Amino acid sequence: MNWDQVQGNWKQVKGTVKEKWGKLRDDELDVIAGKRDQLIGKVQERYGIARAEAERQVDEFVKTVPHGTHQQPGHQPSQRPETPK
């Protein structure tokens, strides 16, 4: 997955981010909203690491995000069939 896909599917990816960096709070993840630089900054701040290390971790993370995390273009949630009257 590339960063554009992560950003476009942030709501689905957010849980995986939380698993990876558990010190990040939900409200922080909402503010980050898929912005790479903000994620790097929060990882750096919460874990007390250098920016270069935070960038490395985020870049490695993006490579491991399952492609099934995002919806396919044109995918719509299934709807219940109408019951006959």
PDB file of N, CA and C in Angstrom:
ATOM      1  N   MET A   1       0.852  -1.165   0.000  1.00  0.00           N
ATOM      2  CA  MET A   1       0.000   0.000   0.000  1.00  0.00           C
ATOM      3  C   MET A   1       0.900   1.230   0.000  1.00  0.00           C
ATOM      4  N   ASN A   2       0.484   2.271  -0.725  1.00  0.00           N
ATOM      5  CA  ASN A   2       1.265   3.504  -0.693  1.00  0.00           C
ATOM      6  C   ASN A   2       0.559   4.525   0.192  1.00  0.00           C
ATOM      7  N   TRP A   3       1.226   5.665   0.430  1.00  0.00           N
ATOM      8  CA  TRP A   3       0.673   6.609   1.389  1.00  0.00           C
ATOM      9  C   TRP A   3      -0.653   7.196   0.915  1.00  0.00           C
ATOM     10  N   ASP A   4      -0.832   7.416  -0.384  1.00  0.00           N
ATOM     11  CA  ASP A   4      -2.106   7.935  -0.882  1.00  0.00           C
ATOM     12  C   ASP A   4      -3.249   6.991  -0.526  1.00  0.00           C
ATOM     13  N   GLN A   5      -3.004   5.692  -0.603  1.00  0.00           N
ATOM     14  CA  GLN A   5      -4.023   4.709  -0.237  1.00  0.00           C
ATOM     15  C   GLN A   5      -4.292   4.741   1.261  1.00  0.00           C
ATOM     16  N   VAL A   6      -3.239   4.887   2.049  1.00  0.00           N
ATOM     17  CA  VAL A   6      -3.408   4.980   3.506  1.00  0.00           C
ATOM     18  C   VAL A   6      -4.266   6.197   3.837  1.00  0.00           C
ATOM     19  N   GLN A   7      -3.923   7.321   3.250  1.00  0.00           N
ATOM     20  CA  GLN A   7      -4.664   8.548   3.529  1.00  0.00           C
ATOM     21  C   GLN A   7      -6.118   8.426   3.090  1.00  0.00           C
ATOM     22  N   GLY A   8      -6.347   7.837   1.924  1.00  0.00           N
ATOM     23  CA  GLY A   8      -7.702   7.701   1.421  1.00  0.00           C
ATOM     24  C   GLY A   8      -8.557   6.728   2.217  1.00  0.00           C
ATOM     25  N   ASN A   9      -7.919   5.832   2.931  1.00  0.00           N
ATOM     26  CA  ASN A   9      -8.633   4.810   3.708  1.00  0.00           C
ATOM     27  C   ASN A   9      -8.308   4.916   5.193  1.00  0.00           C
ATOM     28  N   TRP A  10      -8.101   6.130   5.659  1.00  0.00           N
ATOM     29  CA  TRP A  10      -7.632   6.347   7.022  1.00  0.00           C
ATOM     30  C   TRP A  10      -8.526   5.697   8.067  1.00  0.00           C
ATOM     31  N   LYS A  11      -9.829   5.760   7.880  1.00  0.00           N
ATOM     32  CA  LYS A  11     -10.728   5.184   8.887  1.00  0.00           C
ATOM     33  C   LYS A  11     -10.483   3.683   9.045  1.00  0.00           C
ATOM     34  N   GLN A  12     -10.190   2.990   7.947  1.00  0.00           N
ATOM     35  CA  GLN A  12      -9.924   1.557   8.019  1.00  0.00           C
ATOM     36  C   GLN A  12      -8.515   1.280   8.555  1.00  0.00           C
ATOM     37  N   VAL A  13      -7.568   2.126   8.207  1.00  0.00           N
ATOM     38  CA  VAL A  13      -6.166   1.914   8.580  1.00  0.00           C
ATOM     39  C   VAL A  13      -5.896   2.333  10.021  1.00  0.00           C
ATOM     40  N   LYS A  14      -6.715   3.232  10.538  1.00  0.00           N
ATOM     41  CA  LYS A  14      -6.490   3.807  11.868  1.00  0.00           C
ATOM     42  C   LYS A  14      -6.340   2.730  12.951  1.00  0.00           C
ATOM     43  N   GLY A  15      -7.119   1.687  12.882  1.00  0.00           N
ATOM     44  CA  GLY A  15      -7.014   0.619  13.873  1.00  0.00           C
ATOM     45  C   GLY A  15      -5.675  -0.089  13.820  1.00  0.00           C
ATOM     46  N   THR A  16      -5.161  -0.275  12.608  1.00  0.00           N
ATOM     47  CA  THR A  16      -3.855  -0.911  12.440  1.00  0.00           C
ATOM     48  C   THR A  16      -2.759  -0.001  12.977  1.00  0.00           C
ATOM     49  N   VAL A  17      -2.909   1.305  12.783  1.00  0.00           N
ATOM     50  CA  VAL A  17      -1.955   2.276  13.324  1.00  0.00           C
ATOM     51  C   VAL A  17      -1.958   2.190  14.847  1.00  0.00           C
ATOM     52  N   LYS A  18      -3.147   2.087  15.415  1.00  0.00           N
ATOM     53  CA  LYS A  18      -3.284   2.003  16.886  1.00  0.00           C
ATOM     54  C   LYS A  18      -2.616   0.739  17.425  1.00  0.00           C
ATOM     55  N   GLU A  19      -2.718  -0.361  16.679  1.00  0.00           N
ATOM     56  CA  GLU A  19      -2.050  -1.598  17.094  1.00  0.00           C
ATOM     57  C   GLU A  19      -0.529  -1.427  17.085  1.00  0.00           C
ATOM     58  N   LYS A  20      -0.032  -0.748  16.072  1.00  0.00           N
ATOM     59  CA  LYS A  20       1.419  -0.560  15.919  1.00  0.00           C
ATOM     60  C   LYS A  20       1.971   0.412  16.967  1.00  0.00           C
ATOM     61  N   TRP A  21       1.289   1.547  17.142  1.00  0.00           N
ATOM     62  CA  TRP A  21       1.744   2.583  18.066  1.00  0.00           C
ATOM     63  C   TRP A  21       0.650   2.828  19.092  1.00  0.00           C
ATOM     64  N   GLY A  22       0.583   1.980  20.091  1.00  0.00           N
ATOM     65  CA  GLY A  22      -0.467   2.019  21.095  1.00  0.00           C
ATOM     66  C   GLY A  22      -0.470   3.257  21.979  1.00  0.00           C
ATOM     67  N   LYS A  23       0.624   3.994  22.006  1.00  0.00           N
ATOM     68  CA  LYS A  23       0.659   5.209  22.810  1.00  0.00           C
ATOM     69  C   LYS A  23      -0.102   6.359  22.159  1.00  0.00           C
ATOM     70  N   LEU A  24      -0.444   6.220  20.874  1.00  0.00           N
ATOM     71  CA  LEU A  24      -1.204   7.273  20.200  1.00  0.00           C
ATOM     72  C   LEU A  24      -2.665   7.162  20.609  1.00  0.00           C
ATOM     73  N   ARG A  25      -3.252   8.290  20.982  1.00  0.00           N
ATOM     74  CA  ARG A  25      -4.641   8.307  21.425  1.00  0.00           C
ATOM     75  C   ARG A  25      -5.583   8.417  20.223  1.00  0.00           C
ATOM     76  N   ASP A  26      -6.808   7.971  20.424  1.00  0.00           N
ATOM     77  CA  ASP A  26      -7.805   8.020  19.349  1.00  0.00           C
ATOM     78  C   ASP A  26      -8.026   9.442  18.846  1.00  0.00           C
ATOM     79  N   ASP A  27      -8.087  10.403  19.752  1.00  0.00           N
ATOM     80  CA  ASP A  27      -8.310  11.784  19.319  1.00  0.00           C
ATOM     81  C   ASP A  27      -7.133  12.297  18.484  1.00  0.00           C
ATOM     82  N   GLU A  28      -5.922  11.859  18.805  1.00  0.00           N
ATOM     83  CA  GLU A  28      -4.760  12.241  18.002  1.00  0.00           C
ATOM     84  C   GLU A  28      -4.839  11.627  16.608  1.00  0.00           C
ATOM     85  N   LEU A  29      -5.280  10.377  16.553  1.00  0.00           N
ATOM     86  CA  LEU A  29      -5.405   9.716  15.260  1.00  0.00           C
ATOM     87  C   LEU A  29      -6.484  10.387  14.411  1.00  0.00           C
ATOM     88  N   ASP A  30      -7.527  10.890  15.050  1.00  0.00           N
ATOM     89  CA  ASP A  30      -8.563  11.617  14.316  1.00  0.00           C
ATOM     90  C   ASP A  30      -8.000  12.913  13.734  1.00  0.00           C
ATOM     91  N   VAL A  31      -7.173  13.606  14.503  1.00  0.00           N
ATOM     92  CA  VAL A  31      -6.575  14.852  14.028  1.00  0.00           C
ATOM     93  C   VAL A  31      -5.564  14.575  12.914  1.00  0.00           C
ATOM     94  N   ILE A  32      -4.805  13.502  13.046  1.00  0.00           N
ATOM     95  CA  ILE A  32      -3.813  13.137  12.028  1.00  0.00           C
ATOM     96  C   ILE A  32      -4.502  12.911  10.691  1.00  0.00           C
ATOM     97  N   ALA A  33      -5.634  12.214  10.714  1.00  0.00           N
ATOM     98  CA  ALA A  33      -6.484  12.017   9.530  1.00  0.00           C
ATOM     99  C   ALA A  33      -5.721  11.613   8.272  1.00  0.00           C
ATOM    100  N   GLY A  34      -4.708  10.772   8.436  1.00  0.00           N
ATOM    101  CA  GLY A  34      -3.988  10.250   7.277  1.00  0.00           C
ATOM    102  C   GLY A  34      -2.843  11.112   6.792  1.00  0.00           C
ATOM    103  N   LYS A  35      -2.517  12.162   7.505  1.00  0.00           N
ATOM    104  CA  LYS A  35      -1.414  13.033   7.090  1.00  0.00           C
ATOM    105  C   LYS A  35      -0.100  12.438   7.592  1.00  0.00           C
ATOM    106  N   ARG A  36       0.748  12.087   6.656  1.00  0.00           N
ATOM    107  CA  ARG A  36       2.002  11.394   6.960  1.00  0.00           C
ATOM    108  C   ARG A  36       2.874  12.178   7.927  1.00  0.00           C
ATOM    109  N   ASP A  37       3.100  13.465   7.645  1.00  0.00           N
ATOM    110  CA  ASP A  37       3.979  14.263   8.500  1.00  0.00           C
ATOM    111  C   ASP A  37       3.454  14.361   9.921  1.00  0.00           C
ATOM    112  N   GLN A  38       2.135  14.461  10.066  1.00  0.00           N
ATOM    113  CA  GLN A  38       1.575  14.535  11.414  1.00  0.00           C
ATOM    114  C   GLN A  38       1.737  13.219  12.155  1.00  0.00           C
ATOM    115  N   LEU A  39       1.572  12.102  11.440  1.00  0.00           N
ATOM    116  CA  LEU A  39       1.788  10.803  12.076  1.00  0.00           C
ATOM    117  C   LEU A  39       3.232  10.660  12.518  1.00  0.00           C
ATOM    118  N   ILE A  40       4.150  11.033  11.645  1.00  0.00           N
ATOM    119  CA  ILE A  40       5.574  10.957  11.993  1.00  0.00           C
ATOM    120  C   ILE A  40       5.863  11.808  13.230  1.00  0.00           C
ATOM    121  N   GLY A  41       5.331  13.014  13.264  1.00  0.00           N
ATOM    122  CA  GLY A  41       5.552  13.899  14.408  1.00  0.00           C
ATOM    123  C   GLY A  41       5.013  13.322  15.708  1.00  0.00           C
ATOM    124  N   LYS A  42       3.820  12.717  15.660  1.00  0.00           N
ATOM    125  CA  LYS A  42       3.237  12.142  16.876  1.00  0.00           C
ATOM    126  C   LYS A  42       4.002  10.911  17.334  1.00  0.00           C
ATOM    127  N   VAL A  43       4.434  10.079  16.390  1.00  0.00           N
ATOM    128  CA  VAL A  43       5.237   8.902  16.750  1.00  0.00           C
ATOM    129  C   VAL A  43       6.535   9.367  17.405  1.00  0.00           C
ATOM    130  N   GLN A  44       7.163  10.374  16.813  1.00  0.00           N
ATOM    131  CA  GLN A  44       8.404  10.925  17.366  1.00  0.00           C
ATOM    132  C   GLN A  44       8.177  11.448  18.782  1.00  0.00           C
ATOM    133  N   GLU A  45       7.111  12.202  18.962  1.00  0.00           N
ATOM    134  CA  GLU A  45       6.818  12.805  20.266  1.00  0.00           C
ATOM    135  C   GLU A  45       6.482  11.760  21.325  1.00  0.00           C
ATOM    136  N   ARG A  46       5.569  10.848  21.022  1.00  0.00           N
ATOM    137  CA  ARG A  46       5.097   9.870  22.011  1.00  0.00           C
ATOM    138  C   ARG A  46       6.176   8.859  22.395  1.00  0.00           C
ATOM    139  N   TYR A  47       7.041   8.510  21.426  1.00  0.00           N
ATOM    140  CA  TYR A  47       8.035   7.471  21.698  1.00  0.00           C
ATOM    141  C   TYR A  47       9.433   8.034  21.955  1.00  0.00           C
ATOM    142  N   GLY A  48       9.576   9.356  21.892  1.00  0.00           N
ATOM    143  CA  GLY A  48      10.861   9.979  22.206  1.00  0.00           C
ATOM    144  C   GLY A  48      11.982   9.526  21.296  1.00  0.00           C
ATOM    145  N   ILE A  49      11.691   9.438  20.003  1.00  0.00           N
ATOM    146  CA  ILE A  49      12.703   8.986  19.035  1.00  0.00           C
ATOM    147  C   ILE A  49      13.004  10.112  18.048  1.00  0.00           C
ATOM    148  N   ALA A  50      14.104   9.967  17.338  1.00  0.00           N
ATOM    149  CA  ALA A  50      14.492  10.960  16.338  1.00  0.00           C
ATOM    150  C   ALA A  50      13.508  10.945  15.167  1.00  0.00           C
ATOM    151  N   ARG A  51      13.383  12.070  14.509  1.00  0.00           N
ATOM    152  CA  ARG A  51      12.461  12.163  13.378  1.00  0.00           C
ATOM    153  C   ARG A  51      12.799  11.128  12.301  1.00  0.00           C
ATOM    154  N   ALA A  52      14.079  10.945  12.019  1.00  0.00           N
ATOM    155  CA  ALA A  52      14.483   9.978  10.991  1.00  0.00           C
ATOM    156  C   ALA A  52      14.006   8.570  11.349  1.00  0.00           C
ATOM    157  N   GLU A  53      14.082   8.218  12.619  1.00  0.00           N
ATOM    158  CA  GLU A  53      13.619   6.898  13.062  1.00  0.00           C
ATOM    159  C   GLU A  53      12.101   6.795  12.945  1.00  0.00           C
ATOM    160  N   ALA A  54      11.393   7.855  13.301  1.00  0.00           N
ATOM    161  CA  ALA A  54       9.936   7.853  13.171  1.00  0.00           C
ATOM    162  C   ALA A  54       9.530   7.714  11.702  1.00  0.00           C
ATOM    163  N   GLU A  55      10.222   8.416  10.821  1.00  0.00           N
ATOM    164  CA  GLU A  55       9.955   8.300   9.377  1.00  0.00           C
ATOM    165  C   GLU A  55      10.193   6.868   8.906  1.00  0.00           C
ATOM    166  N   ARG A  56      11.286   6.270   9.356  1.00  0.00           N
ATOM    167  CA  ARG A  56      11.598   4.901   8.955  1.00  0.00           C
ATOM    168  C   ARG A  56      10.487   3.956   9.399  1.00  0.00           C
ATOM    169  N   GLN A  57      10.031   4.111  10.650  1.00  0.00           N
ATOM    170  CA  GLN A  57       8.975   3.246  11.161  1.00  0.00           C
ATOM    171  C   GLN A  57       7.678   3.416  10.377  1.00  0.00           C
ATOM    172  N   VAL A  58       7.319   4.649  10.085  1.00  0.00           N
ATOM    173  CA  VAL A  58       6.081   4.906   9.336  1.00  0.00           C
ATOM    174  C   VAL A  58       6.194   4.325   7.927  1.00  0.00           C
ATOM    175  N   ASP A  59       7.329   4.518   7.277  1.00  0.00           N
ATOM    176  CA  ASP A  59       7.513   3.981   5.926  1.00  0.00           C
ATOM    177  C   ASP A  59       7.455   2.453   5.916  1.00  0.00           C
ATOM    178  N   GLU A  60       8.063   1.819   6.916  1.00  0.00           N
ATOM    179  CA  GLU A  60       7.996   0.359   7.021  1.00  0.00           C
ATOM    180  C   GLU A  60       6.568  -0.101   7.289  1.00  0.00           C
ATOM    181  N   PHE A  61       5.872   0.631   8.131  1.00  0.00           N
ATOM    182  CA  PHE A  61       4.490   0.303   8.448  1.00  0.00           C
ATOM    183  C   PHE A  61       3.622   0.308   7.191  1.00  0.00           C
ATOM    184  N   VAL A  62       3.779   1.324   6.365  1.00  0.00           N
ATOM    185  CA  VAL A  62       2.966   1.446   5.146  1.00  0.00           C
ATOM    186  C   VAL A  62       3.158   0.233   4.248  1.00  0.00           C
ATOM    187  N   LYS A  63       4.368  -0.301   4.209  1.00  0.00           N
ATOM    188  CA  LYS A  63       4.638  -1.487   3.376  1.00  0.00           C
ATOM    189  C   LYS A  63       3.912  -2.725   3.898  1.00  0.00           C
ATOM    190  N   THR A  64       3.578  -2.730   5.195  1.00  0.00           N
ATOM    191  CA  THR A  64       2.981  -3.926   5.791  1.00  0.00           C
ATOM    192  C   THR A  64       1.467  -3.865   5.915  1.00  0.00           C
ATOM    193  N   VAL A  65       0.864  -2.695   5.609  1.00  0.00           N
ATOM    194  CA  VAL A  65      -0.591  -2.577   5.720  1.00  0.00           C
ATOM    195  C   VAL A  65      -1.227  -3.494   4.695  1.00  0.00           C
ATOM    196  N   PRO A  66      -2.103  -4.385   5.136  1.00  0.00           N
ATOM    197  CA  PRO A  66      -2.735  -5.307   4.198  1.00  0.00           C
ATOM    198  C   PRO A  66      -3.547  -4.555   3.150  1.00  0.00           C
ATOM    199  N   HIS A  67      -3.423  -5.010   1.917  1.00  0.00           N
ATOM    200  CA  HIS A  67      -4.177  -4.367   0.838  1.00  0.00           C
ATOM    201  C   HIS A  67      -5.672  -4.563   1.007  1.00  0.00           C
ATOM    202  N   GLY A  68      -6.089  -5.576   1.729  1.00  0.00           N
ATOM    203  CA  GLY A  68      -7.505  -5.818   1.948  1.00  0.00           C
ATOM    204  C   GLY A  68      -8.132  -4.823   2.914  1.00  0.00           C
ATOM    205  N   THR A  69      -7.312  -3.932   3.473  1.00  0.00           N
ATOM    206  CA  THR A  69      -7.823  -2.957   4.418  1.00  0.00           C
ATOM    207  C   THR A  69      -8.668  -1.904   3.730  1.00  0.00           C
ATOM    208  N   HIS A  70      -8.410  -1.682   2.444  1.00  0.00           N
ATOM    209  CA  HIS A  70      -9.156  -0.629   1.756  1.00  0.00           C
ATOM    210  C   HIS A  70     -10.256  -1.223   0.889  1.00  0.00           C
ATOM    211  N   GLN A  71     -11.233  -0.395   0.599  1.00  0.00           N
ATOM    212  CA  GLN A  71     -12.343  -0.835  -0.231  1.00  0.00           C
ATOM    213  C   GLN A  71     -11.959  -0.712  -1.692  1.00  0.00           C
ATOM    214  N   GLN A  72     -12.503  -1.591  -2.492  1.00  0.00           N
ATOM    215  CA  GLN A  72     -12.280  -1.536  -3.918  1.00  0.00           C
ATOM    216  C   GLN A  72     -13.075  -0.376  -4.512  1.00  0.00           C
ATOM    217  N   PRO A  73     -12.571   0.270  -5.564  1.00  0.00           N
ATOM    218  CA  PRO A  73     -13.337   1.342  -6.185  1.00  0.00           C
ATOM    219  C   PRO A  73     -14.702   0.821  -6.629  1.00  0.00           C
ATOM    220  N   GLY A  74     -15.716   1.611  -6.369  1.00  0.00           N
ATOM    221  CA  GLY A  74     -17.060   1.223  -6.769  1.00  0.00           C
ATOM    222  C   GLY A  74     -17.722   0.250  -5.817  1.00  0.00           C
ATOM    223  N   HIS A  75     -17.008  -0.173  -4.774  1.00  0.00           N
ATOM    224  CA  HIS A  75     -17.587  -1.121  -3.815  1.00  0.00           C
ATOM    225  C   HIS A  75     -18.615  -0.408  -2.964  1.00  0.00           C
ATOM    226  N   GLN A  76     -19.766  -1.013  -2.848  1.00  0.00           N
ATOM    227  CA  GLN A  76     -20.785  -0.455  -1.985  1.00  0.00           C
ATOM    228  C   GLN A  76     -21.199  -1.533  -1.011  1.00  0.00           C
ATOM    229  N   PRO A  77     -21.503  -1.126   0.206  1.00  0.00           N
ATOM    230  CA  PRO A  77     -21.923  -2.122   1.191  1.00  0.00           C
ATOM    231  C   PRO A  77     -23.170  -2.844   0.702  1.00  0.00           C
ATOM    232  N   SER A  78     -23.244  -4.111   1.037  1.00  0.00           N
ATOM    233  CA  SER A  78     -24.415  -4.861   0.605  1.00  0.00           C
ATOM    234  C   SER A  78     -25.637  -4.391   1.380  1.00  0.00           C
ATOM    235  N   GLN A  79     -26.750  -4.452   0.715  1.00  0.00           N
ATOM    236  CA  GLN A  79     -27.990  -4.041   1.334  1.00  0.00           C
ATOM    237  C   GLN A  79     -28.869  -5.265   1.509  1.00  0.00           C
ATOM    238  N   ARG A  80     -29.742  -5.191   2.492  1.00  0.00           N
ATOM    239  CA  ARG A  80     -30.660  -6.287   2.691  1.00  0.00           C
ATOM    240  C   ARG A  80     -31.649  -6.339   1.537  1.00  0.00           C
ATOM    241  N   PRO A  81     -31.956  -7.522   1.066  1.00  0.00           N
ATOM    242  CA  PRO A  81     -32.970  -7.594   0.010  1.00  0.00           C
ATOM    243  C   PRO A  81     -34.331  -7.219   0.605  1.00  0.00           C
ATOM    244  N   GLU A  82     -35.142  -6.618  -0.225  1.00  0.00           N
ATOM    245  CA  GLU A  82     -36.469  -6.250   0.252  1.00  0.00           C
ATOM    246  C   GLU A  82     -37.297  -7.507   0.457  1.00  0.00           C
ATOM    247  N   THR A  83     -38.105  -7.491   1.484  1.00  0.00           N
ATOM    248  CA  THR A  83     -38.993  -8.626   1.714  1.00  0.00           C
ATOM    249  C   THR A  83     -40.250  -8.433   0.886  1.00  0.00           C
ATOM    250  N   PRO A  84     -40.691  -9.506   0.238  1.00  0.00           N
ATOM    251  CA  PRO A  84     -41.894  -9.378  -0.600  1.00  0.00           C
ATOM    252  C   PRO A  84     -43.120  -9.088   0.258  1.00  0.00           C
ATOM    253  N   LYS A  85     -44.038  -8.344  -0.324  1.00  0.00           N
ATOM    254  CA  LYS A  85     -45.245  -7.969   0.410  1.00  0.00           C
ATOM    255  C   LYS A  85     -46.361  -8.935   0.155  1.00  0.00           C
TER     256      LYS A  85
END
